[in-house]
Amino acid sequence: MATITPANTFDPVYLLDTTDPVKGGAVVGPLSAPTDGQANAQAQALANRTEYLRQKLLPIGSVIMWAGSSVPSNYFRCDGTTKSRSTYADLFAAIGTQFGEGDGVSLFHLPDFRGLFPRGYDAGAGNDPDTASRTAMNTGGNTGDAIGSVQDDAVEAHSHVIDRTSGIGGGTNPTVADSTEVDDSPNQDMTTGSFGGSTETRPKNFSIDFIIKYA
């Protein structure tokens, strides 16, 4: 029975070890007529190249959007669950405890992207002015300007001013529902009351799954 096992050298990337070769025997005869040994070598080379390309195209730790109803093999849903550091050593080597330290010994957290919008890592660019207040996704995870940190929802400080001398649409002294007047002066600006009935501020959006490659 043939098995593919990891190799530490660049070439071959993987070794095909077997006590029951694809075809046994020594490499003899002309190359135009592959012998048993050549067939075994060709199978090994094909396995090596396939695995090498698979890792290069999408390395372990890659996160992709997924529209399927179930998670494909070699992937985990980004749901914040904990995984074994030893069983999934390659994934742990890629993401470490950025999204949470698990039990701090043998486990680590997967990222938890459920219901969240992604934001690019600022890396000191200044596009995220509130990096200092970014918190850890789970205990032991990254905070501040670092991959894995999270932010709560927020609305930038601002005000809405209504000029009572011109009003809305050219009228004067308009009636503004739920407004607060500082005094009775006809030229006094007013601050409007609350409006909107949702529990968050958001753009139009669609729901998609995020999955992370572990093998």
Protein backbone atom coordinates (compact mmCIF):
# COMPACT_ATOMS: atom_id res chain seq x y z
CA MET A 1 0.00 0.00 0.00
CA ALA A 2 1.62 3.29 -1.05
CA THR A 3 1.73 6.24 1.36
CA ILE A 4 2.90 9.81 0.84
CA THR A 5 4.98 11.17 3.73
CA PRO A 6 6.55 14.62 4.26
CA ALA A 7 10.18 15.17 3.33
CA ASN A 8 12.39 17.93 4.70
CA THR A 9 14.21 18.60 1.44
CA PHE A 10 13.04 20.89 -1.33
CA ASP A 11 13.22 18.20 -4.00
CA PRO A 12 11.43 15.95 -3.70
CA VAL A 13 8.81 17.82 -1.73
CA TYR A 14 7.19 14.50 -0.77
CA LEU A 15 8.46 10.94 -0.87
CA LEU A 16 6.44 7.96 -2.02
CA ASP A 17 7.28 5.18 0.43
CA THR A 18 5.84 1.73 -0.13
CA THR A 19 6.48 -1.94 0.53
CA ASP A 20 4.14 -2.73 -2.34
CA PRO A 21 5.54 -0.58 -5.18
CA VAL A 22 3.38 0.75 -7.95
CA LYS A 23 5.50 -1.59 -10.02
CA GLY A 24 8.56 -3.28 -8.63
CA GLY A 25 11.95 -3.83 -10.15
CA ALA A 26 15.00 -1.94 -11.30
CA VAL A 27 15.09 0.78 -13.91
CA VAL A 28 16.24 -1.02 -17.05
CA GLY A 29 15.54 -0.84 -20.74
CA PRO A 30 14.96 2.11 -23.07
CA LEU A 31 13.09 5.17 -21.81
CA SER A 32 10.59 4.79 -24.61
CA ALA A 33 9.24 1.71 -22.86
CA PRO A 34 8.94 2.49 -19.12
CA THR A 35 9.84 -0.40 -16.86
CA ASP A 36 8.54 -1.20 -13.41
CA GLY A 37 11.11 0.96 -11.65
CA GLN A 38 10.47 3.90 -13.96
CA ALA A 39 6.75 3.68 -13.37
CA ASN A 40 7.35 3.91 -9.64
CA ALA A 41 9.62 6.93 -10.10
CA GLN A 42 7.06 8.63 -12.33
CA ALA A 43 4.32 8.14 -9.73
CA GLN A 44 6.60 9.63 -7.07
CA ALA A 45 7.45 12.62 -9.24
CA LEU A 46 3.79 13.26 -10.02
CA ALA A 47 2.87 13.13 -6.34
CA ASN A 48 5.70 15.54 -5.55
CA ARG A 49 4.70 18.09 -8.14
CA THR A 50 1.02 17.90 -7.30
CA GLU A 51 1.64 18.55 -3.61
CA TYR A 52 4.19 21.27 -4.31
CA LEU A 53 1.76 23.16 -6.57
CA ARG A 54 -1.10 22.72 -4.11
CA GLN A 55 0.92 24.30 -1.31
CA LYS A 56 2.22 27.09 -3.51
CA LEU A 57 -1.18 28.05 -4.91
CA LEU A 58 -2.88 28.19 -1.50
CA PRO A 59 -0.57 27.88 1.53
CA ILE A 60 -1.73 26.66 4.92
CA GLY A 61 -3.33 29.52 6.85
CA SER A 62 -5.02 31.00 3.77
CA VAL A 63 -8.53 32.31 4.39
CA ILE A 64 -11.06 32.26 1.56
CA MET A 65 -14.74 33.07 1.14
CA TRP A 66 -16.83 29.93 0.72
CA ALA A 67 -20.39 29.68 -0.60
CA GLY A 68 -20.91 25.96 -0.02
CA SER A 69 -23.27 24.54 2.59
CA SER A 70 -20.52 22.41 4.16
CA VAL A 71 -16.81 23.00 4.72
CA PRO A 72 -14.52 21.13 2.27
CA SER A 73 -11.76 18.78 3.39
CA ASN A 74 -8.51 20.35 4.64
CA TYR A 75 -10.38 23.47 5.78
CA PHE A 76 -11.97 24.72 8.99
CA ARG A 77 -14.78 27.25 9.30
CA CYS A 78 -13.53 30.49 10.85
CA ASP A 79 -15.75 30.13 13.91
CA GLY A 80 -13.34 30.74 16.79
CA THR A 81 -13.19 27.15 18.00
CA THR A 82 -10.00 25.74 19.52
CA LYS A 83 -7.74 23.18 17.85
CA SER A 84 -4.79 21.05 18.93
CA ARG A 85 -1.39 22.69 18.49
CA SER A 86 0.22 19.31 17.82
CA THR A 87 -2.43 17.77 15.56
CA TYR A 88 -2.61 20.91 13.42
CA ALA A 89 1.01 21.94 13.84
CA ASP A 90 1.29 23.45 10.35
CA LEU A 91 -1.70 25.73 10.89
CA PHE A 92 -0.45 26.68 14.35
CA ALA A 93 2.94 27.53 12.85
CA ALA A 94 1.16 29.81 10.36
CA ILE A 95 -1.22 31.75 12.64
CA GLY A 96 0.03 31.01 16.18
CA THR A 97 -2.09 32.61 18.91
CA GLN A 98 -3.01 35.74 16.95
CA PHE A 99 -6.70 34.90 17.32
CA GLY A 100 -6.49 33.45 20.84
CA GLU A 101 -4.23 31.21 22.90
CA GLY A 102 -6.73 28.41 23.52
CA ASP A 103 -5.84 26.83 26.86
CA GLY A 104 -2.40 28.43 26.70
CA VAL A 105 -0.71 25.04 26.46
CA SER A 106 -1.98 22.57 23.89
CA LEU A 107 -4.74 24.45 22.07
CA PHE A 108 -5.08 27.58 19.92
CA HIS A 109 -8.04 29.52 18.56
CA LEU A 110 -9.17 29.67 14.97
CA PRO A 111 -10.19 33.14 13.77
CA ASP A 112 -13.85 33.96 14.36
CA PHE A 113 -15.21 35.95 11.43
CA ARG A 114 -18.90 35.17 11.91
CA GLY A 115 -21.03 38.25 11.14
CA LEU A 116 -18.00 40.57 10.84
CA PHE A 117 -16.66 42.77 8.06
CA PRO A 118 -12.91 42.31 7.35
CA ARG A 119 -10.51 45.25 7.56
CA GLY A 120 -7.01 45.30 6.15
CA TYR A 121 -4.09 45.18 8.62
CA ASP A 122 -3.11 48.84 9.08
CA ALA A 123 0.60 48.14 9.74
CA GLY A 124 1.21 51.73 10.84
CA ALA A 125 -0.29 53.31 7.72
CA GLY A 126 -2.68 55.46 9.76
CA ASN A 127 -5.80 54.49 7.82
CA ASP A 128 -7.19 53.02 11.05
CA PRO A 129 -6.88 55.90 13.54
CA ASP A 130 -8.12 53.82 16.47
CA THR A 131 -5.61 50.96 16.42
CA ALA A 132 -4.70 51.60 20.07
CA SER A 133 -8.20 50.60 21.14
CA ARG A 134 -8.33 47.35 19.14
CA THR A 135 -8.92 44.35 21.41
CA ALA A 136 -8.22 40.60 21.30
CA MET A 137 -10.65 38.31 19.51
CA ASN A 138 -10.14 35.73 22.27
CA THR A 139 -8.03 35.57 25.43
CA GLY A 140 -4.34 35.80 24.58
CA GLY A 141 -4.97 37.03 21.03
CA ASN A 142 -3.41 40.08 19.42
CA THR A 143 -4.43 43.61 20.38
CA GLY A 144 -3.65 47.01 18.89
CA ASP A 145 -2.28 47.32 15.36
CA ALA A 146 -1.93 43.59 14.72
CA ILE A 147 -3.56 40.80 12.74
CA GLY A 148 -6.36 39.13 14.68
CA SER A 149 -7.42 42.16 16.72
CA VAL A 150 -11.01 43.41 16.56
CA GLN A 151 -12.95 46.68 16.88
CA ASP A 152 -16.45 47.34 18.14
CA ASP A 153 -18.89 49.22 15.94
CA ALA A 154 -18.73 53.03 16.07
CA VAL A 155 -19.96 56.23 14.47
CA GLU A 156 -17.51 59.11 14.04
CA ALA A 157 -18.32 62.13 16.23
CA HIS A 158 -20.33 64.70 14.30
CA SER A 159 -23.28 67.08 14.61
CA HIS A 160 -26.32 68.09 12.57
CA VAL A 161 -27.20 71.77 12.53
CA ILE A 162 -30.45 73.26 11.24
CA ASP A 163 -30.50 76.98 10.49
CA ARG A 164 -33.95 78.22 11.55
CA THR A 165 -33.66 81.36 9.42
CA SER A 166 -33.63 79.41 6.17
CA GLY A 167 -35.19 76.17 7.26
CA ILE A 168 -35.57 73.18 5.05
CA GLY A 169 -36.55 73.78 1.43
CA GLY A 170 -36.48 77.57 1.85
CA GLY A 171 -39.05 77.88 4.62
CA THR A 172 -38.54 79.86 7.82
CA ASN A 173 -38.79 78.72 11.41
CA PRO A 174 -39.48 75.10 10.50
CA THR A 175 -40.88 72.69 13.03
CA VAL A 176 -38.30 69.99 13.73
CA ALA A 177 -39.60 66.88 15.46
CA ASP A 178 -37.68 65.74 18.54
CA SER A 179 -35.45 68.81 18.49
CA THR A 180 -33.91 70.71 21.36
CA GLU A 181 -33.83 74.51 21.33
CA VAL A 182 -31.29 76.31 23.40
CA ASP A 183 -33.45 79.47 23.53
CA ASP A 184 -36.34 81.10 21.67
CA SER A 185 -34.21 83.22 19.37
CA PRO A 186 -35.41 82.88 15.73
CA ASN A 187 -31.80 82.57 14.62
CA GLN A 188 -30.88 79.91 17.16
CA ASP A 189 -29.51 76.65 15.74
CA MET A 190 -31.08 73.42 16.96
CA THR A 191 -29.80 69.90 17.49
CA THR A 192 -32.05 67.18 16.17
CA GLY A 193 -33.14 64.17 18.16
CA SER A 194 -32.45 60.55 17.32
CA PHE A 195 -33.67 58.91 14.15
CA GLY A 196 -33.50 55.53 12.48
CA GLY A 197 -34.84 52.28 13.84
CA SER A 198 -32.06 49.72 13.32
CA THR A 199 -29.70 48.28 15.91
CA GLU A 200 -26.58 48.98 13.83
CA THR A 201 -25.26 51.15 11.00
CA ARG A 202 -24.37 49.09 7.94
CA PRO A 203 -24.19 49.10 4.13
CA LYS A 204 -26.11 46.65 1.98
CA ASN A 205 -24.38 43.31 2.39
CA PHE A 206 -24.48 39.59 1.69
CA SER A 207 -23.72 36.64 3.94
CA ILE A 208 -20.73 34.42 3.05
CA ASP A 209 -18.68 31.86 4.96
CA PHE A 210 -14.96 32.24 5.69
CA ILE A 211 -12.82 29.12 5.85
CA ILE A 212 -9.13 28.60 6.66
CA LYS A 213 -6.80 26.00 5.13
CA TYR A 214 -5.09 23.65 7.59
CA ALA A 215 -3.56 20.98 5.31
